[in-house]
Amino acid sequence: MVDFKSLGHNIRKYRVEAALSQDELAEACGCCGSYIGKIENGKSLPSLEIIVKLADALEENVESIVLGEKPMPKCATGASIGK
């Protein structure tokens, strides 16, 4: 299960890396800046639809947004590279 604070921390991390303000990210997702602030502070849990929009706006995948780490690339056999 994902906790609100970890998810918010991940979103803030990727937003800062993308050099976007909360308002800019909110506009790209069709919501308001105060909602992004609530998500980042662990006070609100976004819907799956909003998580997908956040990932798109931040040019990340949903797994990175939710888990906070980029997935390992996979080779043609489906095994993780580097393991």
C-alpha atoms as a PDB file:
ATOM      1  CA  MET A   1       0.000   0.000   0.000  1.00  0.00           C
ATOM      2  CA  VAL A   2       1.237   3.474  -0.865  1.00  0.00           C
ATOM      3  CA  ASP A   3       1.306   6.018   1.918  1.00  0.00           C
ATOM      4  CA  PHE A   4       0.237   9.592   1.231  1.00  0.00           C
ATOM      5  CA  LYS A   5       3.499  11.201   2.378  1.00  0.00           C
ATOM      6  CA  SER A   6       5.749   9.010   0.227  1.00  0.00           C
ATOM      7  CA  LEU A   7       3.601   9.613  -2.833  1.00  0.00           C
ATOM      8  CA  GLY A   8       3.618  13.357  -2.178  1.00  0.00           C
ATOM      9  CA  HIS A   9       7.393  13.355  -1.683  1.00  0.00           C
ATOM     10  CA  ASN A  10       7.867  11.533  -5.000  1.00  0.00           C
ATOM     11  CA  ILE A  11       5.633  13.977  -6.859  1.00  0.00           C
ATOM     12  CA  ARG A  12       7.455  16.956  -5.357  1.00  0.00           C
ATOM     13  CA  LYS A  13      10.843  15.412  -6.248  1.00  0.00           C
ATOM     14  CA  TYR A  14       9.911  14.903  -9.901  1.00  0.00           C
ATOM     15  CA  ARG A  15       8.178  18.313 -10.109  1.00  0.00           C
ATOM     16  CA  VAL A  16      11.300  20.085  -8.828  1.00  0.00           C
ATOM     17  CA  GLU A  17      13.492  18.064 -11.226  1.00  0.00           C
ATOM     18  CA  ALA A  18      11.201  19.185 -14.061  1.00  0.00           C
ATOM     19  CA  ALA A  19      11.526  22.822 -12.887  1.00  0.00           C
ATOM     20  CA  LEU A  20       7.749  23.227 -12.612  1.00  0.00           C
ATOM     21  CA  SER A  21       5.813  25.200 -10.019  1.00  0.00           C
ATOM     22  CA  GLN A  22       2.814  23.623  -8.326  1.00  0.00           C
ATOM     23  CA  ASP A  23       0.569  25.869 -10.417  1.00  0.00           C
ATOM     24  CA  GLU A  24       2.272  24.857 -13.677  1.00  0.00           C
ATOM     25  CA  LEU A  25       1.938  21.171 -12.833  1.00  0.00           C
ATOM     26  CA  ALA A  26      -1.680  21.686 -11.788  1.00  0.00           C
ATOM     27  CA  GLU A  27      -2.502  23.413 -15.073  1.00  0.00           C
ATOM     28  CA  ALA A  28      -0.998  20.511 -17.018  1.00  0.00           C
ATOM     29  CA  CYS A  29      -3.166  18.085 -15.005  1.00  0.00           C
ATOM     30  CA  GLY A  30      -6.382  20.088 -15.068  1.00  0.00           C
ATOM     31  CA  CYS A  31      -6.529  20.765 -11.338  1.00  0.00           C
ATOM     32  CA  CYS A  32      -5.514  23.641  -9.040  1.00  0.00           C
ATOM     33  CA  GLY A  33      -2.164  24.413  -7.410  1.00  0.00           C
ATOM     34  CA  SER A  34      -3.536  24.080  -3.896  1.00  0.00           C
ATOM     35  CA  TYR A  35      -4.557  20.485  -4.705  1.00  0.00           C
ATOM     36  CA  ILE A  36      -0.991  19.698  -5.828  1.00  0.00           C
ATOM     37  CA  GLY A  37       0.220  21.215  -2.543  1.00  0.00           C
ATOM     38  CA  LYS A  38      -2.141  18.965  -0.567  1.00  0.00           C
ATOM     39  CA  ILE A  39      -0.930  15.908  -2.477  1.00  0.00           C
ATOM     40  CA  GLU A  40       2.730  16.841  -1.939  1.00  0.00           C
ATOM     41  CA  ASN A  41       2.124  17.394   1.786  1.00  0.00           C
ATOM     42  CA  GLY A  42       0.390  14.025   2.186  1.00  0.00           C
ATOM     43  CA  LYS A  43      -2.983  15.585   2.964  1.00  0.00           C
ATOM     44  CA  SER A  44      -4.790  14.253  -0.114  1.00  0.00           C
ATOM     45  CA  LEU A  45      -4.523  11.068  -2.160  1.00  0.00           C
ATOM     46  CA  PRO A  46      -5.000  11.652  -5.890  1.00  0.00           C
ATOM     47  CA  SER A  47      -7.141   9.386  -8.032  1.00  0.00           C
ATOM     48  CA  LEU A  48      -5.495   7.031 -10.491  1.00  0.00           C
ATOM     49  CA  GLU A  49      -6.573   9.399 -13.269  1.00  0.00           C
ATOM     50  CA  ILE A  50      -4.688  12.292 -11.639  1.00  0.00           C
ATOM     51  CA  ILE A  51      -1.622  10.086 -10.987  1.00  0.00           C
ATOM     52  CA  VAL A  52      -1.527   9.212 -14.701  1.00  0.00           C
ATOM     53  CA  LYS A  53      -1.865  12.910 -15.625  1.00  0.00           C
ATOM     54  CA  LEU A  54       0.912  13.811 -13.158  1.00  0.00           C
ATOM     55  CA  ALA A  55       3.180  11.146 -14.649  1.00  0.00           C
ATOM     56  CA  ASP A  56       2.502  12.427 -18.173  1.00  0.00           C
ATOM     57  CA  ALA A  57       3.111  16.056 -17.189  1.00  0.00           C
ATOM     58  CA  LEU A  58       6.335  15.127 -15.389  1.00  0.00           C
ATOM     59  CA  GLU A  59       7.441  12.846 -18.258  1.00  0.00           C
ATOM     60  CA  GLU A  60       7.763   9.916 -15.859  1.00  0.00           C
ATOM     61  CA  ASN A  61       5.991   6.596 -15.664  1.00  0.00           C
ATOM     62  CA  VAL A  62       3.352   5.844 -13.054  1.00  0.00           C
ATOM     63  CA  GLU A  63       5.636   3.340 -11.317  1.00  0.00           C
ATOM     64  CA  SER A  64       8.234   6.064 -10.729  1.00  0.00           C
ATOM     65  CA  ILE A  65       5.610   8.425  -9.347  1.00  0.00           C
ATOM     66  CA  VAL A  66       4.117   5.827  -7.007  1.00  0.00           C
ATOM     67  CA  LEU A  67       7.292   4.013  -5.906  1.00  0.00           C
ATOM     68  CA  GLY A  68       9.785   6.866  -6.182  1.00  0.00           C
ATOM     69  CA  GLU A  69      12.301   4.934  -8.220  1.00  0.00           C
ATOM     70  CA  LYS A  70      12.821   4.366 -11.881  1.00  0.00           C
ATOM     71  CA  PRO A  71      12.189   0.767 -12.955  1.00  0.00           C
ATOM     72  CA  MET A  72      15.127  -1.372 -14.027  1.00  0.00           C
ATOM     73  CA  PRO A  73      15.330  -1.785 -17.808  1.00  0.00           C
ATOM     74  CA  LYS A  74      14.485  -5.278 -19.023  1.00  0.00           C
ATOM     75  CA  CYS A  75      16.270  -7.287 -21.661  1.00  0.00           C
ATOM     76  CA  ALA A  76      14.425  -9.127 -24.423  1.00  0.00           C
ATOM     77  CA  THR A  77      13.791 -12.153 -22.171  1.00  0.00           C
ATOM     78  CA  GLY A  78      12.044  -9.962 -19.588  1.00  0.00           C
ATOM     79  CA  ALA A  79      14.762 -10.354 -16.950  1.00  0.00           C
ATOM     80  CA  SER A  80      16.025  -7.210 -15.267  1.00  0.00           C
ATOM     81  CA  ILE A  81      19.382  -6.031 -16.524  1.00  0.00           C
ATOM     82  CA  GLY A  82      22.068  -5.785 -13.861  1.00  0.00           C
ATOM     83  CA  LYS A  83      20.734  -8.466 -11.553  1.00  0.00           C
END
